Amino acid sequence: MEIDPNGYYRMPLIMGPLWKGENPRLIYSQTEAVAIQYLTDPAAIASLLPVCYKPGKEPQVTVLFAYNNGLDFMAGGGYRLAAVQVSARFDGDQDHVEGDYILVMFEDQTRPIIGGREDLGVPKLYADISSIKVFPDGRLRCEASLWGHLLFALELLLPKKQNSVVRLAANKIINSRPWLAYKYIPSLDGPPDADYPTISKNDTTINDLWFAKSGTLFFGNAETNDVGHVKTLIDALKTLSVKKIKQALHLRGSAVLRYDLSRRLV
């Protein structure tokens, strides 16, 4: 079996190239998200960033749960994710960009985990992601857990639906902030196979948007005997203490993951 140098492969190689030539645009026909954005100590953000990044203008943390469906690369199916991002800036020899650096992205399906890690350098791990729970008093709750132990959760209270003008403004802000990450793949011996910063972009379309009156972030108290090394990760996220809640929101829409614009930063 010969490997086509112009083809894009993932293991196992017997699948053949997934595509040739230009990287595709991946369609997310249906997306729904619940998120909280808050301000924290800039020093706490700096301590979690690779040295090539620095904190952004505002010490903002975004905790996001997203529910994706109608994906062509999953035969029309979907997956759920829970991510923690921090505002960050990269200033290199050529690139100068500010966006949201992904500290971790938990997902509940193998295919997007593999693609995000191997292609984009997004630090993805498996977790169980709850559906959006809707309580009689109007609260929304989303939870990420592992092996029956809570990792973290969000609650929003009584969201208020926004008009088209606000939706368009929010759409513009979201699309102006790319994902920032750091692709690190170790080798069996010697230096790592990959070791560099990356940028990825999404084209999001918001159809429905609600801003909540309040939002709360919860962390679980699982120990190493419960969730293994993930405890160290959760402990690191807990250092991003909440100084001020900026906003909490709930949205529905669609998105296009721009693989064709994803690349390493230099």
Protein backbone atom coordinates (compact mmCIF):
# COMPACT_ATOMS: atom_id res chain seq x y z
CA MET A 1 0.00 0.00 0.00
CA GLU A 2 1.44 3.35 -1.06
CA ILE A 3 0.59 6.60 0.73
CA ASP A 4 -0.44 9.43 -1.57
CA PRO A 5 1.64 12.50 -0.57
CA ASN A 6 -1.25 14.74 -1.67
CA GLY A 7 -3.84 12.91 0.40
CA TYR A 8 -4.92 13.50 4.00
CA TYR A 9 -4.84 10.32 6.08
CA ARG A 10 -5.81 9.26 9.58
CA MET A 11 -5.15 5.89 11.11
CA PRO A 12 -5.98 3.17 10.22
CA LEU A 13 -4.34 3.79 6.87
CA ILE A 14 -6.50 1.17 5.11
CA MET A 15 -9.32 3.77 5.11
CA GLY A 16 -7.33 5.56 2.43
CA PRO A 17 -7.12 9.36 2.21
CA LEU A 18 -10.10 11.16 3.73
CA TRP A 19 -9.61 14.01 1.26
CA LYS A 20 -7.12 15.35 -1.25
CA GLY A 21 -6.04 18.89 -1.99
CA GLU A 22 -7.59 21.76 -0.05
CA ASN A 23 -8.86 21.05 3.46
CA PRO A 24 -12.66 20.93 3.68
CA ARG A 25 -15.22 23.03 5.50
CA LEU A 26 -17.09 20.87 8.02
CA ILE A 27 -20.81 21.63 8.30
CA TYR A 28 -22.53 21.70 11.70
CA SER A 29 -26.19 21.90 10.67
CA GLN A 30 -27.53 22.29 14.21
CA THR A 31 -25.72 23.72 17.21
CA GLU A 32 -26.92 24.71 20.65
CA ALA A 33 -24.70 26.21 23.32
CA VAL A 34 -24.85 27.27 26.96
CA ALA A 35 -21.98 29.42 28.23
CA ILE A 36 -20.70 31.65 31.00
CA GLN A 37 -18.00 34.28 30.55
CA TYR A 38 -16.27 35.77 33.57
CA LEU A 39 -13.20 37.76 34.57
CA THR A 40 -10.37 36.24 36.58
CA ASP A 41 -6.83 37.08 37.73
CA PRO A 42 -4.56 37.67 34.68
CA ALA A 43 -1.72 35.88 36.49
CA ALA A 44 -3.88 32.76 36.78
CA ILE A 45 -4.38 32.73 33.00
CA ALA A 46 -0.68 33.36 32.32
CA SER A 47 0.36 30.37 34.43
CA LEU A 48 -1.73 28.01 32.23
CA LEU A 49 -0.60 29.29 28.82
CA PRO A 50 2.35 27.97 26.77
CA VAL A 51 5.17 30.50 26.74
CA CYS A 52 4.40 31.62 23.17
CA TYR A 53 1.06 33.04 24.37
CA LYS A 54 0.21 35.82 26.78
CA PRO A 55 -3.14 36.81 28.36
CA GLY A 56 -5.45 38.90 26.19
CA LYS A 57 -6.59 42.47 26.82
CA GLU A 58 -9.21 41.29 29.25
CA PRO A 59 -8.66 38.33 31.65
CA GLN A 60 -11.75 36.52 30.37
CA VAL A 61 -12.65 32.86 30.88
CA THR A 62 -15.35 31.13 28.81
CA VAL A 63 -16.92 27.89 30.02
CA LEU A 64 -18.99 26.43 27.22
CA PHE A 65 -21.28 23.44 26.67
CA ALA A 66 -22.21 22.77 23.03
CA TYR A 67 -24.58 20.28 21.42
CA ASN A 68 -23.89 19.55 17.76
CA ASN A 69 -26.01 17.59 15.29
CA GLY A 70 -26.37 17.04 11.55
CA LEU A 71 -22.64 16.58 10.90
CA ASP A 72 -21.66 15.24 7.50
CA PHE A 73 -18.46 13.64 8.82
CA MET A 74 -20.52 11.70 11.40
CA ALA A 75 -23.14 10.44 8.91
CA GLY A 76 -25.67 13.02 10.09
CA GLY A 77 -25.09 12.35 13.79
CA GLY A 78 -23.51 14.57 16.41
CA TYR A 79 -21.72 14.94 19.71
CA ARG A 80 -21.62 17.03 22.87
CA LEU A 81 -18.71 19.01 24.26
CA ALA A 82 -17.70 21.00 27.33
CA ALA A 83 -14.77 23.41 26.99
CA VAL A 84 -12.83 25.94 29.05
CA GLN A 85 -11.17 28.79 27.14
CA VAL A 86 -9.19 31.86 28.16
CA SER A 87 -8.54 35.09 26.33
CA ALA A 88 -5.02 34.99 24.90
CA ARG A 89 -2.73 36.70 22.41
CA PHE A 90 -0.02 35.41 20.08
CA ASP A 91 2.70 37.67 18.71
CA GLY A 92 5.12 35.78 16.48
CA ASP A 93 7.41 36.57 13.58
CA GLN A 94 4.45 36.85 11.19
CA ASP A 95 1.19 36.33 13.10
CA HIS A 96 -0.28 38.79 15.58
CA VAL A 97 -3.69 37.61 16.77
CA GLU A 98 -5.96 37.57 19.80
CA GLY A 99 -8.57 34.89 20.44
CA ASP A 100 -9.65 32.21 22.88
CA TYR A 101 -7.04 29.67 23.89
CA ILE A 102 -8.57 26.27 24.61
CA LEU A 103 -7.31 24.85 27.90
CA VAL A 104 -9.37 21.67 27.54
CA MET A 105 -12.29 20.40 25.47
CA PHE A 106 -14.17 17.35 26.75
CA GLU A 107 -16.27 15.44 24.20
CA ASP A 108 -18.44 12.33 24.28
CA GLN A 109 -17.56 10.83 20.87
CA THR A 110 -14.29 9.37 19.58
CA ARG A 111 -14.30 10.76 16.02
CA PRO A 112 -14.25 14.49 16.88
CA ILE A 113 -11.73 13.88 19.67
CA ILE A 114 -9.27 12.25 17.28
CA GLY A 115 -9.76 14.85 14.57
CA GLY A 116 -9.44 17.82 16.87
CA ARG A 117 -6.29 16.51 18.54
CA GLU A 118 -4.47 15.20 15.46
CA ASP A 119 -5.47 17.95 13.04
CA LEU A 120 -5.98 21.15 15.02
CA GLY A 121 -4.00 20.56 18.20
CA VAL A 122 -7.08 21.09 20.37
CA PRO A 123 -6.53 19.42 23.79
CA LYS A 124 -9.49 17.03 23.73
CA LEU A 125 -10.43 14.34 26.25
CA TYR A 126 -13.42 12.07 26.75
CA ALA A 127 -16.18 12.85 29.25
CA ASP A 128 -19.89 12.23 29.67
CA ILE A 129 -21.82 15.39 28.78
CA SER A 130 -25.39 15.75 30.03
CA SER A 131 -28.26 17.03 27.96
CA ILE A 132 -29.47 20.53 28.81
CA LYS A 133 -31.58 20.09 31.93
CA VAL A 134 -34.54 22.48 32.19
CA PHE A 135 -36.02 22.98 35.67
CA PRO A 136 -39.54 24.27 36.52
CA ASP A 137 -38.12 27.55 37.85
CA GLY A 138 -36.47 28.30 34.49
CA ARG A 139 -32.94 27.20 35.32
CA LEU A 140 -30.81 25.49 32.68
CA ARG A 141 -28.07 23.11 33.85
CA CYS A 142 -25.28 21.34 31.91
CA GLU A 143 -22.82 18.87 33.44
CA ALA A 144 -19.55 17.18 32.45
CA SER A 145 -18.64 14.03 34.36
CA LEU A 146 -16.23 11.13 34.14
CA TRP A 147 -16.95 7.61 35.39
CA GLY A 148 -19.88 8.91 37.41
CA HIS A 149 -17.98 11.80 39.03
CA LEU A 150 -18.85 15.45 38.36
CA LEU A 151 -16.06 17.49 36.73
CA PHE A 152 -17.85 20.82 36.31
CA ALA A 153 -21.30 22.22 35.57
CA LEU A 154 -23.06 25.44 34.53
CA GLU A 155 -26.40 26.87 35.59
CA LEU A 156 -28.25 29.75 33.91
CA LEU A 157 -31.37 31.38 35.30
CA LEU A 158 -34.38 32.67 33.33
CA PRO A 159 -32.79 33.55 30.00
CA LYS A 160 -34.26 36.49 28.08
CA LYS A 161 -34.56 36.14 24.28
CA GLN A 162 -32.82 38.81 22.23
CA ASN A 163 -33.85 40.56 19.02
CA SER A 164 -32.16 40.32 15.61
CA VAL A 165 -29.97 43.39 16.15
CA VAL A 166 -28.42 41.90 19.29
CA ARG A 167 -28.07 38.50 17.58
CA LEU A 168 -26.13 40.04 14.70
CA ALA A 169 -23.81 41.90 17.08
CA ALA A 170 -23.16 38.73 19.09
CA ASN A 171 -22.55 36.80 15.87
CA LYS A 172 -19.91 39.32 14.80
CA ILE A 173 -18.10 39.13 18.15
CA ILE A 174 -18.08 35.32 18.20
CA ASN A 175 -16.75 35.04 14.64
CA SER A 176 -14.04 37.63 15.28
CA ARG A 177 -12.37 35.46 17.92
CA PRO A 178 -10.52 32.40 16.58
CA TRP A 179 -9.64 29.30 18.56
CA LEU A 180 -6.03 29.23 19.69
CA ALA A 181 -4.34 25.99 20.72
CA TYR A 182 -0.97 24.26 20.98
CA LYS A 183 -0.35 21.08 19.02
CA TYR A 184 1.89 18.72 20.96
CA ILE A 185 2.28 15.09 19.88
CA PRO A 186 5.03 13.10 21.62
CA SER A 187 7.23 10.59 19.81
CA LEU A 188 8.31 7.16 20.97
CA ASP A 189 11.86 8.50 21.26
CA GLY A 190 13.57 11.81 20.68
CA PRO A 191 11.84 15.17 20.23
CA PRO A 192 8.04 15.41 19.86
CA ASP A 193 6.43 14.76 16.48
CA ALA A 194 4.54 18.06 16.74
CA ASP A 195 5.28 21.07 18.94
CA TYR A 196 3.78 24.40 17.78
CA PRO A 197 0.84 26.83 18.28
CA THR A 198 -2.24 26.63 16.05
CA ILE A 199 -5.23 28.72 15.01
CA SER A 200 -8.67 27.50 13.94
CA LYS A 201 -11.78 29.38 12.86
CA ASN A 202 -15.54 28.81 12.90
CA ASP A 203 -18.25 30.60 10.95
CA THR A 204 -21.18 30.68 13.36
CA THR A 205 -24.76 31.68 12.56
CA ILE A 206 -26.99 32.48 15.55
CA ASN A 207 -30.71 31.91 15.00
CA ASP A 208 -31.90 32.26 18.60
CA LEU A 209 -30.12 33.98 21.49
CA TRP A 210 -30.94 34.42 25.17
CA PHE A 211 -28.96 36.35 27.80
CA ALA A 212 -29.50 34.96 31.28
CA LYS A 213 -30.13 37.04 34.39
CA SER A 214 -27.45 35.07 36.23
CA GLY A 215 -25.04 32.20 35.78
CA THR A 216 -23.08 29.92 38.10
CA LEU A 217 -20.06 27.65 37.59
CA PHE A 218 -19.68 24.53 39.75
CA PHE A 219 -16.73 22.16 40.12
CA GLY A 220 -16.86 18.62 41.44
CA ASN A 221 -14.56 17.21 44.11
CA ALA A 222 -13.43 13.95 42.47
CA GLU A 223 -10.08 12.58 43.65
CA THR A 224 -7.31 10.82 41.73
CA ASN A 225 -8.81 7.45 42.70
CA ASP A 226 -12.04 8.61 40.98
CA VAL A 227 -10.87 10.25 37.74
CA GLY A 228 -7.12 9.60 37.50
CA HIS A 229 -4.94 12.38 36.10
CA VAL A 230 -7.99 14.42 35.16
CA LYS A 231 -8.00 15.57 38.80
CA THR A 232 -4.79 17.54 38.11
CA LEU A 233 -6.51 19.19 35.16
CA ILE A 234 -9.61 20.15 37.17
CA ASP A 235 -7.38 21.51 39.94
CA ALA A 236 -5.69 23.75 37.36
CA LEU A 237 -9.06 25.02 36.10
CA LYS A 238 -10.12 25.82 39.66
CA THR A 239 -7.26 28.36 39.89
CA LEU A 240 -9.24 30.54 37.45
CA SER A 241 -11.35 32.04 40.21
CA VAL A 242 -14.48 34.01 39.33
CA LYS A 243 -13.94 37.74 39.96
CA LYS A 244 -16.96 38.97 38.00
CA ILE A 245 -19.55 37.31 35.76
CA LYS A 246 -19.62 39.21 32.44
CA GLN A 247 -22.48 37.36 30.81
CA ALA A 248 -24.31 34.05 30.58
CA LEU A 249 -26.01 32.99 27.40
CA HIS A 250 -27.91 30.29 25.55
CA LEU A 251 -27.94 30.12 21.74
CA ARG A 252 -29.13 27.99 18.86
CA GLY A 253 -27.87 28.09 15.29
CA SER A 254 -25.39 26.45 12.93
CA ALA A 255 -21.67 26.58 12.22
CA VAL A 256 -18.95 25.76 9.73
CA LEU A 257 -15.59 24.57 11.07
CA ARG A 258 -13.08 26.16 8.69
CA TYR A 259 -10.49 23.44 8.29
CA ASP A 260 -9.38 25.31 5.18
CA LEU A 261 -8.25 28.23 7.38
CA SER A 262 -6.76 26.18 10.23
CA ARG A 263 -2.96 26.25 10.40
CA ARG A 264 0.09 26.65 12.58
CA LEU A 265 1.01 30.08 13.91
CA VAL A 266 4.42 31.52 13.14
